[in-house]
PDB file of N, CA and C in Angstrom:
ATOM      1  N   UNK A   1     -58.276  -5.381  17.636  1.00  0.00           N
ATOM      2  CA  UNK A   1     -57.137  -5.092  16.788  1.00  0.00           C
ATOM      3  C   UNK A   1     -55.889  -5.341  17.622  1.00  0.00           C
ATOM      4  N   UNK A   2     -55.153  -6.372  17.280  1.00  0.00           N
ATOM      5  CA  UNK A   2     -53.932  -6.740  18.010  1.00  0.00           C
ATOM      6  C   UNK A   2     -52.765  -6.023  17.355  1.00  0.00           C
ATOM      7  N   UNK A   3     -52.150  -5.082  18.059  1.00  0.00           N
ATOM      8  CA  UNK A   3     -51.093  -4.261  17.472  1.00  0.00           C
ATOM      9  C   UNK A   3     -49.684  -4.753  17.808  1.00  0.00           C
ATOM     10  N   UNK A   4     -49.588  -6.005  18.300  1.00  0.00           N
ATOM     11  CA  UNK A   4     -48.264  -6.586  18.528  1.00  0.00           C
ATOM     12  C   UNK A   4     -47.635  -6.954  17.194  1.00  0.00           C
ATOM     13  N   UNK A   5     -46.320  -7.102  17.196  1.00  0.00           N
ATOM     14  CA  UNK A   5     -45.647  -7.639  16.017  1.00  0.00           C
ATOM     15  C   UNK A   5     -46.087  -9.092  15.865  1.00  0.00           C
ATOM     16  N   UNK A   6     -46.150  -9.566  14.647  1.00  0.00           N
ATOM     17  CA  UNK A   6     -46.651 -10.923  14.399  1.00  0.00           C
ATOM     18  C   UNK A   6     -45.887 -11.984  15.191  1.00  0.00           C
ATOM     19  N   UNK A   7     -44.578 -11.829  15.310  1.00  0.00           N
ATOM     20  CA  UNK A   7     -43.763 -12.804  16.047  1.00  0.00           C
ATOM     21  C   UNK A   7     -44.149 -12.869  17.520  1.00  0.00           C
ATOM     22  N   UNK A   8     -44.662 -11.767  18.073  1.00  0.00           N
ATOM     23  CA  UNK A   8     -45.080 -11.745  19.477  1.00  0.00           C
ATOM     24  C   UNK A   8     -46.326 -12.605  19.710  1.00  0.00           C
ATOM     25  N   UNK A   9     -47.085 -12.854  18.679  1.00  0.00           N
ATOM     26  CA  UNK A   9     -48.332 -13.608  18.808  1.00  0.00           C
ATOM     27  C   UNK A   9     -48.083 -15.116  18.886  1.00  0.00           C
ATOM     28  N   UNK A  10     -46.925 -15.537  18.421  1.00  0.00           N
ATOM     29  CA  UNK A  10     -46.585 -16.962  18.437  1.00  0.00           C
ATOM     30  C   UNK A  10     -46.411 -17.394  19.890  1.00  0.00           C
ATOM     31  N   UNK A  11     -47.105 -18.423  20.263  1.00  0.00           N
ATOM     32  CA  UNK A  11     -46.997 -18.950  21.622  1.00  0.00           C
ATOM     33  C   UNK A  11     -48.008 -18.372  22.594  1.00  0.00           C
ATOM     34  N   UNK A  12     -48.464 -17.147  22.357  1.00  0.00           N
ATOM     35  CA  UNK A  12     -49.455 -16.558  23.257  1.00  0.00           C
ATOM     36  C   UNK A  12     -50.845 -16.553  22.637  1.00  0.00           C
ATOM     37  N   UNK A  13     -50.902 -16.648  21.320  1.00  0.00           N
ATOM     38  CA  UNK A  13     -52.183 -16.621  20.644  1.00  0.00           C
ATOM     39  C   UNK A  13     -52.718 -15.214  20.477  1.00  0.00           C
ATOM     40  N   UNK A  14     -53.937 -15.142  19.965  1.00  0.00           N
ATOM     41  CA  UNK A  14     -54.594 -13.884  19.640  1.00  0.00           C
ATOM     42  C   UNK A  14     -56.025 -13.958  20.169  1.00  0.00           C
ATOM     43  N   UNK A  15     -56.565 -12.840  20.596  1.00  0.00           N
ATOM     44  CA  UNK A  15     -57.961 -12.776  21.025  1.00  0.00           C
ATOM     45  C   UNK A  15     -58.836 -13.253  19.859  1.00  0.00           C
ATOM     46  N   UNK A  16     -59.781 -14.167  20.097  1.00  0.00           N
ATOM     47  CA  UNK A  16     -60.641 -14.646  19.011  1.00  0.00           C
ATOM     48  C   UNK A  16     -61.319 -13.483  18.275  1.00  0.00           C
ATOM     49  N   UNK A  17     -61.216 -13.511  16.955  1.00  0.00           N
ATOM     50  CA  UNK A  17     -61.834 -12.474  16.128  1.00  0.00           C
ATOM     51  C   UNK A  17     -60.968 -11.249  15.907  1.00  0.00           C
ATOM     52  N   UNK A  18     -59.817 -11.186  16.573  1.00  0.00           N
ATOM     53  CA  UNK A  18     -58.952 -10.016  16.428  1.00  0.00           C
ATOM     54  C   UNK A  18     -58.155 -10.091  15.133  1.00  0.00           C
ATOM     55  N   UNK A  19     -57.880  -8.946  14.595  1.00  0.00           N
ATOM     56  CA  UNK A  19     -56.998  -8.844  13.436  1.00  0.00           C
ATOM     57  C   UNK A  19     -55.632  -8.403  13.944  1.00  0.00           C
ATOM     58  N   UNK A  20     -54.578  -9.079  13.506  1.00  0.00           N
ATOM     59  CA  UNK A  20     -53.216  -8.682  13.874  1.00  0.00           C
ATOM     60  C   UNK A  20     -52.752  -7.634  12.872  1.00  0.00           C
ATOM     61  N   UNK A  21     -52.461  -6.450  13.387  1.00  0.00           N
ATOM     62  CA  UNK A  21     -51.950  -5.346  12.580  1.00  0.00           C
ATOM     63  C   UNK A  21     -50.912  -4.629  13.433  1.00  0.00           C
ATOM     64  N   UNK A  22     -49.636  -4.943  13.230  1.00  0.00           N
ATOM     65  CA  UNK A  22     -48.604  -4.342  14.073  1.00  0.00           C
ATOM     66  C   UNK A  22     -48.694  -2.816  14.128  1.00  0.00           C
ATOM     67  N   UNK A  23     -48.403  -2.271  15.296  1.00  0.00           N
ATOM     68  CA  UNK A  23     -48.449  -0.822  15.497  1.00  0.00           C
ATOM     69  C   UNK A  23     -47.631  -0.104  14.430  1.00  0.00           C
ATOM     70  N   UNK A  24     -46.502  -0.682  14.049  1.00  0.00           N
ATOM     71  CA  UNK A  24     -45.627  -0.059  13.050  1.00  0.00           C
ATOM     72  C   UNK A  24     -46.294   0.042  11.676  1.00  0.00           C
ATOM     73  N   UNK A  25     -47.353  -0.716  11.442  1.00  0.00           N
ATOM     74  CA  UNK A  25     -48.056  -0.709  10.161  1.00  0.00           C
ATOM     75  C   UNK A  25     -49.416  -0.020  10.240  1.00  0.00           C
ATOM     76  N   UNK A  26     -49.807   0.426  11.421  1.00  0.00           N
ATOM     77  CA  UNK A  26     -51.162   0.942  11.652  1.00  0.00           C
ATOM     78  C   UNK A  26     -51.501   2.143  10.774  1.00  0.00           C
ATOM     79  N   UNK A  27     -50.689   3.171  10.800  1.00  0.00           N
ATOM     80  CA  UNK A  27     -51.015   4.390  10.049  1.00  0.00           C
ATOM     81  C   UNK A  27     -51.128   4.121   8.560  1.00  0.00           C
ATOM     82  N   UNK A  28     -50.215   3.325   8.017  1.00  0.00           N
ATOM     83  CA  UNK A  28     -50.269   2.997   6.592  1.00  0.00           C
ATOM     84  C   UNK A  28     -51.533   2.235   6.229  1.00  0.00           C
ATOM     85  N   UNK A  29     -51.938   1.311   7.094  1.00  0.00           N
ATOM     86  CA  UNK A  29     -53.152   0.528   6.842  1.00  0.00           C
ATOM     87  C   UNK A  29     -54.388   1.417   6.866  1.00  0.00           C
ATOM     88  N   UNK A  30     -54.435   2.352   7.814  1.00  0.00           N
ATOM     89  CA  UNK A  30     -55.582   3.267   7.882  1.00  0.00           C
ATOM     90  C   UNK A  30     -55.614   4.150   6.641  1.00  0.00           C
ATOM     91  N   UNK A  31     -54.465   4.697   6.269  1.00  0.00           N
ATOM     92  CA  UNK A  31     -54.408   5.553   5.071  1.00  0.00           C
ATOM     93  C   UNK A  31     -54.802   4.794   3.814  1.00  0.00           C
ATOM     94  N   UNK A  32     -54.506   3.504   3.772  1.00  0.00           N
ATOM     95  CA  UNK A  32     -54.851   2.674   2.614  1.00  0.00           C
ATOM     96  C   UNK A  32     -56.314   2.232   2.638  1.00  0.00           C
ATOM     97  N   UNK A  33     -57.033   2.582   3.688  1.00  0.00           N
ATOM     98  CA  UNK A  33     -58.451   2.242   3.766  1.00  0.00           C
ATOM     99  C   UNK A  33     -58.745   0.853   4.295  1.00  0.00           C
ATOM    100  N   UNK A  34     -57.726   0.167   4.811  1.00  0.00           N
ATOM    101  CA  UNK A  34     -57.911  -1.208   5.266  1.00  0.00           C
ATOM    102  C   UNK A  34     -58.827  -1.332   6.487  1.00  0.00           C
ATOM    103  N   UNK A  35     -59.024  -0.251   7.227  1.00  0.00           N
ATOM    104  CA  UNK A  35     -59.866  -0.309   8.431  1.00  0.00           C
ATOM    105  C   UNK A  35     -61.127   0.549   8.300  1.00  0.00           C
ATOM    106  N   UNK A  36     -61.435   0.977   7.096  1.00  0.00           N
ATOM    107  CA  UNK A  36     -62.598   1.854   6.902  1.00  0.00           C
ATOM    108  C   UNK A  36     -63.896   1.258   7.426  1.00  0.00           C
ATOM    109  N   UNK A  37     -64.064  -0.043   7.349  1.00  0.00           N
ATOM    110  CA  UNK A  37     -65.301  -0.686   7.819  1.00  0.00           C
ATOM    111  C   UNK A  37     -65.483  -0.556   9.327  1.00  0.00           C
ATOM    112  N   UNK A  38     -64.426  -0.200  10.042  1.00  0.00           N
ATOM    113  CA  UNK A  38     -64.480  -0.135  11.502  1.00  0.00           C
ATOM    114  C   UNK A  38     -64.559   1.293  12.045  1.00  0.00           C
ATOM    115  N   UNK A  39     -64.620   2.274  11.187  1.00  0.00           N
ATOM    116  CA  UNK A  39     -64.603   3.679  11.637  1.00  0.00           C
ATOM    117  C   UNK A  39     -65.768   4.029  12.559  1.00  0.00           C
ATOM    118  N   UNK A  40     -66.914   3.404  12.350  1.00  0.00           N
ATOM    119  CA  UNK A  40     -68.085   3.767  13.160  1.00  0.00           C
ATOM    120  C   UNK A  40     -68.558   2.619  14.054  1.00  0.00           C
ATOM    121  N   UNK A  41     -67.703   1.619  14.250  1.00  0.00           N
ATOM    122  CA  UNK A  41     -68.041   0.522  15.157  1.00  0.00           C
ATOM    123  C   UNK A  41     -67.046   0.504  16.310  1.00  0.00           C
ATOM    124  N   UNK A  42     -67.341  -0.263  17.327  1.00  0.00           N
ATOM    125  CA  UNK A  42     -66.427  -0.379  18.470  1.00  0.00           C
ATOM    126  C   UNK A  42     -65.156  -1.110  18.043  1.00  0.00           C
ATOM    127  N   UNK A  43     -64.018  -0.524  18.379  1.00  0.00           N
ATOM    128  CA  UNK A  43     -62.718  -1.122  18.095  1.00  0.00           C
ATOM    129  C   UNK A  43     -61.990  -1.271  19.425  1.00  0.00           C
ATOM    130  N   UNK A  44     -61.487  -2.459  19.691  1.00  0.00           N
ATOM    131  CA  UNK A  44     -60.703  -2.726  20.894  1.00  0.00           C
ATOM    132  C   UNK A  44     -59.273  -2.993  20.458  1.00  0.00           C
ATOM    133  N   UNK A  45     -58.328  -2.308  21.085  1.00  0.00           N
ATOM    134  CA  UNK A  45     -56.923  -2.511  20.750  1.00  0.00           C
ATOM    135  C   UNK A  45     -56.250  -3.276  21.877  1.00  0.00           C
ATOM    136  N   UNK A  46     -55.318  -4.169  21.504  1.00  0.00           N
ATOM    137  CA  UNK A  46     -54.598  -4.966  22.489  1.00  0.00           C
ATOM    138  C   UNK A  46     -53.157  -5.126  22.027  1.00  0.00           C
ATOM    139  N   UNK A  47     -52.242  -5.195  22.987  1.00  0.00           N
ATOM    140  CA  UNK A  47     -50.837  -5.503  22.721  1.00  0.00           C
ATOM    141  C   UNK A  47     -50.369  -6.412  23.851  1.00  0.00           C
ATOM    142  N   UNK A  48     -49.093  -6.465  24.115  1.00  0.00           N
ATOM    143  CA  UNK A  48     -48.592  -7.344  25.176  1.00  0.00           C
ATOM    144  C   UNK A  48     -48.975  -6.833  26.559  1.00  0.00           C
ATOM    145  N   UNK A  49     -48.787  -5.518  26.802  1.00  0.00           N
ATOM    146  CA  UNK A  49     -48.995  -4.988  28.151  1.00  0.00           C
ATOM    147  C   UNK A  49     -49.972  -3.821  28.229  1.00  0.00           C
ATOM    148  N   UNK A  50     -50.304  -3.236  27.116  1.00  0.00           N
ATOM    149  CA  UNK A  50     -51.232  -2.111  27.105  1.00  0.00           C
ATOM    150  C   UNK A  50     -50.648  -0.805  26.626  1.00  0.00           C
ATOM    151  N   UNK A  51     -49.326  -0.717  26.505  1.00  0.00           N
ATOM    152  CA  UNK A  51     -48.715   0.550  26.090  1.00  0.00           C
ATOM    153  C   UNK A  51     -48.952   0.873  24.622  1.00  0.00           C
ATOM    154  N   UNK A  52     -48.573  -0.020  23.740  1.00  0.00           N
ATOM    155  CA  UNK A  52     -48.773   0.236  22.304  1.00  0.00           C
ATOM    156  C   UNK A  52     -50.248   0.314  21.948  1.00  0.00           C
ATOM    157  N   UNK A  53     -51.063  -0.521  22.608  1.00  0.00           N
ATOM    158  CA  UNK A  53     -52.489  -0.485  22.288  1.00  0.00           C
ATOM    159  C   UNK A  53     -53.107   0.839  22.723  1.00  0.00           C
ATOM    160  N   UNK A  54     -52.611   1.429  23.804  1.00  0.00           N
ATOM    161  CA  UNK A  54     -53.088   2.755  24.219  1.00  0.00           C
ATOM    162  C   UNK A  54     -52.697   3.803  23.183  1.00  0.00           C
ATOM    163  N   UNK A  55     -51.466   3.721  22.704  1.00  0.00           N
ATOM    164  CA  UNK A  55     -51.018   4.652  21.669  1.00  0.00           C
ATOM    165  C   UNK A  55     -51.830   4.463  20.389  1.00  0.00           C
ATOM    166  N   UNK A  56     -52.114   3.215  20.047  1.00  0.00           N
ATOM    167  CA  UNK A  56     -52.906   2.929  18.851  1.00  0.00           C
ATOM    168  C   UNK A  56     -54.319   3.487  19.000  1.00  0.00           C
ATOM    169  N   UNK A  57     -54.911   3.330  20.179  1.00  0.00           N
ATOM    170  CA  UNK A  57     -56.267   3.830  20.413  1.00  0.00           C
ATOM    171  C   UNK A  57     -56.323   5.347  20.253  1.00  0.00           C
ATOM    172  N   UNK A  58     -55.345   6.035  20.812  1.00  0.00           N
ATOM    173  CA  UNK A  58     -55.293   7.499  20.691  1.00  0.00           C
ATOM    174  C   UNK A  58     -55.129   7.896  19.229  1.00  0.00           C
ATOM    175  N   UNK A  59     -54.236   7.219  18.537  1.00  0.00           N
ATOM    176  CA  UNK A  59     -54.000   7.544  17.123  1.00  0.00           C
ATOM    177  C   UNK A  59     -55.264   7.308  16.293  1.00  0.00           C
ATOM    178  N   UNK A  60     -55.922   6.175  16.507  1.00  0.00           N
ATOM    179  CA  UNK A  60     -57.133   5.879  15.744  1.00  0.00           C
ATOM    180  C   UNK A  60     -58.223   6.922  15.992  1.00  0.00           C
ATOM    181  N   UNK A  61     -58.402   7.299  17.253  1.00  0.00           N
ATOM    182  CA  UNK A  61     -59.472   8.244  17.596  1.00  0.00           C
ATOM    183  C   UNK A  61     -59.127   9.680  17.221  1.00  0.00           C
ATOM    184  N   UNK A  62     -57.981  10.150  17.648  1.00  0.00           N
ATOM    185  CA  UNK A  62     -57.658  11.578  17.487  1.00  0.00           C
ATOM    186  C   UNK A  62     -57.081  11.940  16.130  1.00  0.00           C
ATOM    187  N   UNK A  63     -56.298  11.058  15.554  1.00  0.00           N
ATOM    188  CA  UNK A  63     -55.680  11.376  14.271  1.00  0.00           C
ATOM    189  C   UNK A  63     -56.569  10.938  13.107  1.00  0.00           C
ATOM    190  N   UNK A  64     -57.171   9.743  13.231  1.00  0.00           N
ATOM    191  CA  UNK A  64     -57.911   9.189  12.111  1.00  0.00           C
ATOM    192  C   UNK A  64     -59.422   9.233  12.273  1.00  0.00           C
ATOM    193  N   UNK A  65     -59.938   9.722  13.399  1.00  0.00           N
ATOM    194  CA  UNK A  65     -61.368   9.955  13.544  1.00  0.00           C
ATOM    195  C   UNK A  65     -62.249   8.747  13.804  1.00  0.00           C
ATOM    196  N   UNK A  66     -61.676   7.661  14.302  1.00  0.00           N
ATOM    197  CA  UNK A  66     -62.506   6.517  14.667  1.00  0.00           C
ATOM    198  C   UNK A  66     -63.374   6.919  15.858  1.00  0.00           C
ATOM    199  N   UNK A  67     -64.630   6.460  15.868  1.00  0.00           N
ATOM    200  CA  UNK A  67     -65.613   6.948  16.840  1.00  0.00           C
ATOM    201  C   UNK A  67     -65.557   6.281  18.209  1.00  0.00           C
ATOM    202  N   UNK A  68     -65.258   4.983  18.266  1.00  0.00           N
ATOM    203  CA  UNK A  68     -65.371   4.239  19.524  1.00  0.00           C
ATOM    204  C   UNK A  68     -64.184   3.292  19.660  1.00  0.00           C
ATOM    205  N   UNK A  69     -63.114   3.758  20.312  1.00  0.00           N
ATOM    206  CA  UNK A  69     -61.891   2.968  20.440  1.00  0.00           C
ATOM    207  C   UNK A  69     -61.558   2.784  21.917  1.00  0.00           C
ATOM    208  N   UNK A  70     -61.309   1.541  22.306  1.00  0.00           N
ATOM    209  CA  UNK A  70     -60.982   1.195  23.692  1.00  0.00           C
ATOM    210  C   UNK A  70     -59.776   0.284  23.692  1.00  0.00           C
ATOM    211  N   UNK A  71     -58.885   0.474  24.649  1.00  0.00           N
ATOM    212  CA  UNK A  71     -57.750  -0.431  24.773  1.00  0.00           C
ATOM    213  C   UNK A  71     -58.043  -1.476  25.842  1.00  0.00           C
ATOM    214  N   UNK A  72     -57.551  -2.678  25.636  1.00  0.00           N
ATOM    215  CA  UNK A  72     -57.711  -3.751  26.616  1.00  0.00           C
ATOM    216  C   UNK A  72     -56.672  -3.516  27.702  1.00  0.00           C
ATOM    217  N   UNK A  73     -57.129  -3.114  28.858  1.00  0.00           N
ATOM    218  CA  UNK A  73     -56.225  -2.778  29.967  1.00  0.00           C
ATOM    219  C   UNK A  73     -55.375  -3.990  30.363  1.00  0.00           C
ATOM    220  N   UNK A  74     -54.073  -3.790  30.406  1.00  0.00           N
ATOM    221  CA  UNK A  74     -53.156  -4.863  30.788  1.00  0.00           C
ATOM    222  C   UNK A  74     -52.728  -5.749  29.639  1.00  0.00           C
ATOM    223  N   UNK A  75     -53.326  -5.556  28.465  1.00  0.00           N
ATOM    224  CA  UNK A  75     -52.939  -6.276  27.267  1.00  0.00           C
ATOM    225  C   UNK A  75     -53.140  -7.781  27.346  1.00  0.00           C
ATOM    226  N   UNK A  76     -52.391  -8.489  26.516  1.00  0.00           N
ATOM    227  CA  UNK A  76     -52.509  -9.946  26.461  1.00  0.00           C
ATOM    228  C   UNK A  76     -52.048 -10.596  27.761  1.00  0.00           C
ATOM    229  N   UNK A  77     -51.139  -9.962  28.471  1.00  0.00           N
ATOM    230  CA  UNK A  77     -50.723 -10.528  29.762  1.00  0.00           C
ATOM    231  C   UNK A  77     -51.918 -10.650  30.693  1.00  0.00           C
ATOM    232  N   UNK A  78     -52.711  -9.601  30.780  1.00  0.00           N
ATOM    233  CA  UNK A  78     -53.897  -9.623  31.638  1.00  0.00           C
ATOM    234  C   UNK A  78     -54.949 -10.584  31.073  1.00  0.00           C
ATOM    235  N   UNK A  79     -55.117 -10.589  29.767  1.00  0.00           N
ATOM    236  CA  UNK A  79     -56.084 -11.471  29.107  1.00  0.00           C
ATOM    237  C   UNK A  79     -55.792 -12.922  29.450  1.00  0.00           C
ATOM    238  N   UNK A  80     -54.536 -13.314  29.293  1.00  0.00           N
ATOM    239  CA  UNK A  80     -54.127 -14.686  29.563  1.00  0.00           C
ATOM    240  C   UNK A  80     -54.204 -15.006  31.062  1.00  0.00           C
ATOM    241  N   UNK A  81     -53.850 -14.041  31.916  1.00  0.00           N
ATOM    242  CA  UNK A  81     -53.914 -14.249  33.359  1.00  0.00           C
ATOM    243  C   UNK A  81     -55.335 -14.524  33.829  1.00  0.00           C
ATOM    244  N   UNK A  82     -56.309 -13.962  33.108  1.00  0.00           N
ATOM    245  CA  UNK A  82     -57.722 -14.185  33.426  1.00  0.00           C
ATOM    246  C   UNK A  82     -58.236 -15.505  32.869  1.00  0.00           C
ATOM    247  N   UNK A  83     -57.394 -16.195  32.092  1.00  0.00           N
ATOM    248  CA  UNK A  83     -57.797 -17.471  31.514  1.00  0.00           C
ATOM    249  C   UNK A  83     -58.746 -17.336  30.347  1.00  0.00           C
ATOM    250  N   UNK A  84     -58.753 -16.179  29.701  1.00  0.00           N
ATOM    251  CA  UNK A  84     -59.646 -15.945  28.567  1.00  0.00           C
ATOM    252  C   UNK A  84     -59.114 -16.662  27.322  1.00  0.00           C
ATOM    253  N   UNK A  85     -59.975 -16.976  26.374  1.00  0.00           N
ATOM    254  CA  UNK A  85     -59.569 -17.799  25.229  1.00  0.00           C
ATOM    255  C   UNK A  85     -58.673 -17.080  24.224  1.00  0.00           C
ATOM    256  N   UNK A  86     -57.839 -17.869  23.565  1.00  0.00           N
ATOM    257  CA  UNK A  86     -57.035 -17.364  22.441  1.00  0.00           C
ATOM    258  C   UNK A  86     -57.193 -18.306  21.275  1.00  0.00           C
TER     259      UNK A  86
END
């Protein structure tokens, strides 16, 4: 789950298979049931550096009851530095 703003994804790409859902829209999307299929599966959150994705992971787990949430340490900066695909 990529929680960057959509404009931030331009030029850097997105982790393959990730859904872009800006942090500012996260709570509304969860309340609307848009992420219900992921409540009991592993969810990985990513942003540019790891700050928003950490906040998103905490919110998903503690506020909304998602079972298995992990943030990608270092965010997309670290992902790209490792040469991983986008």
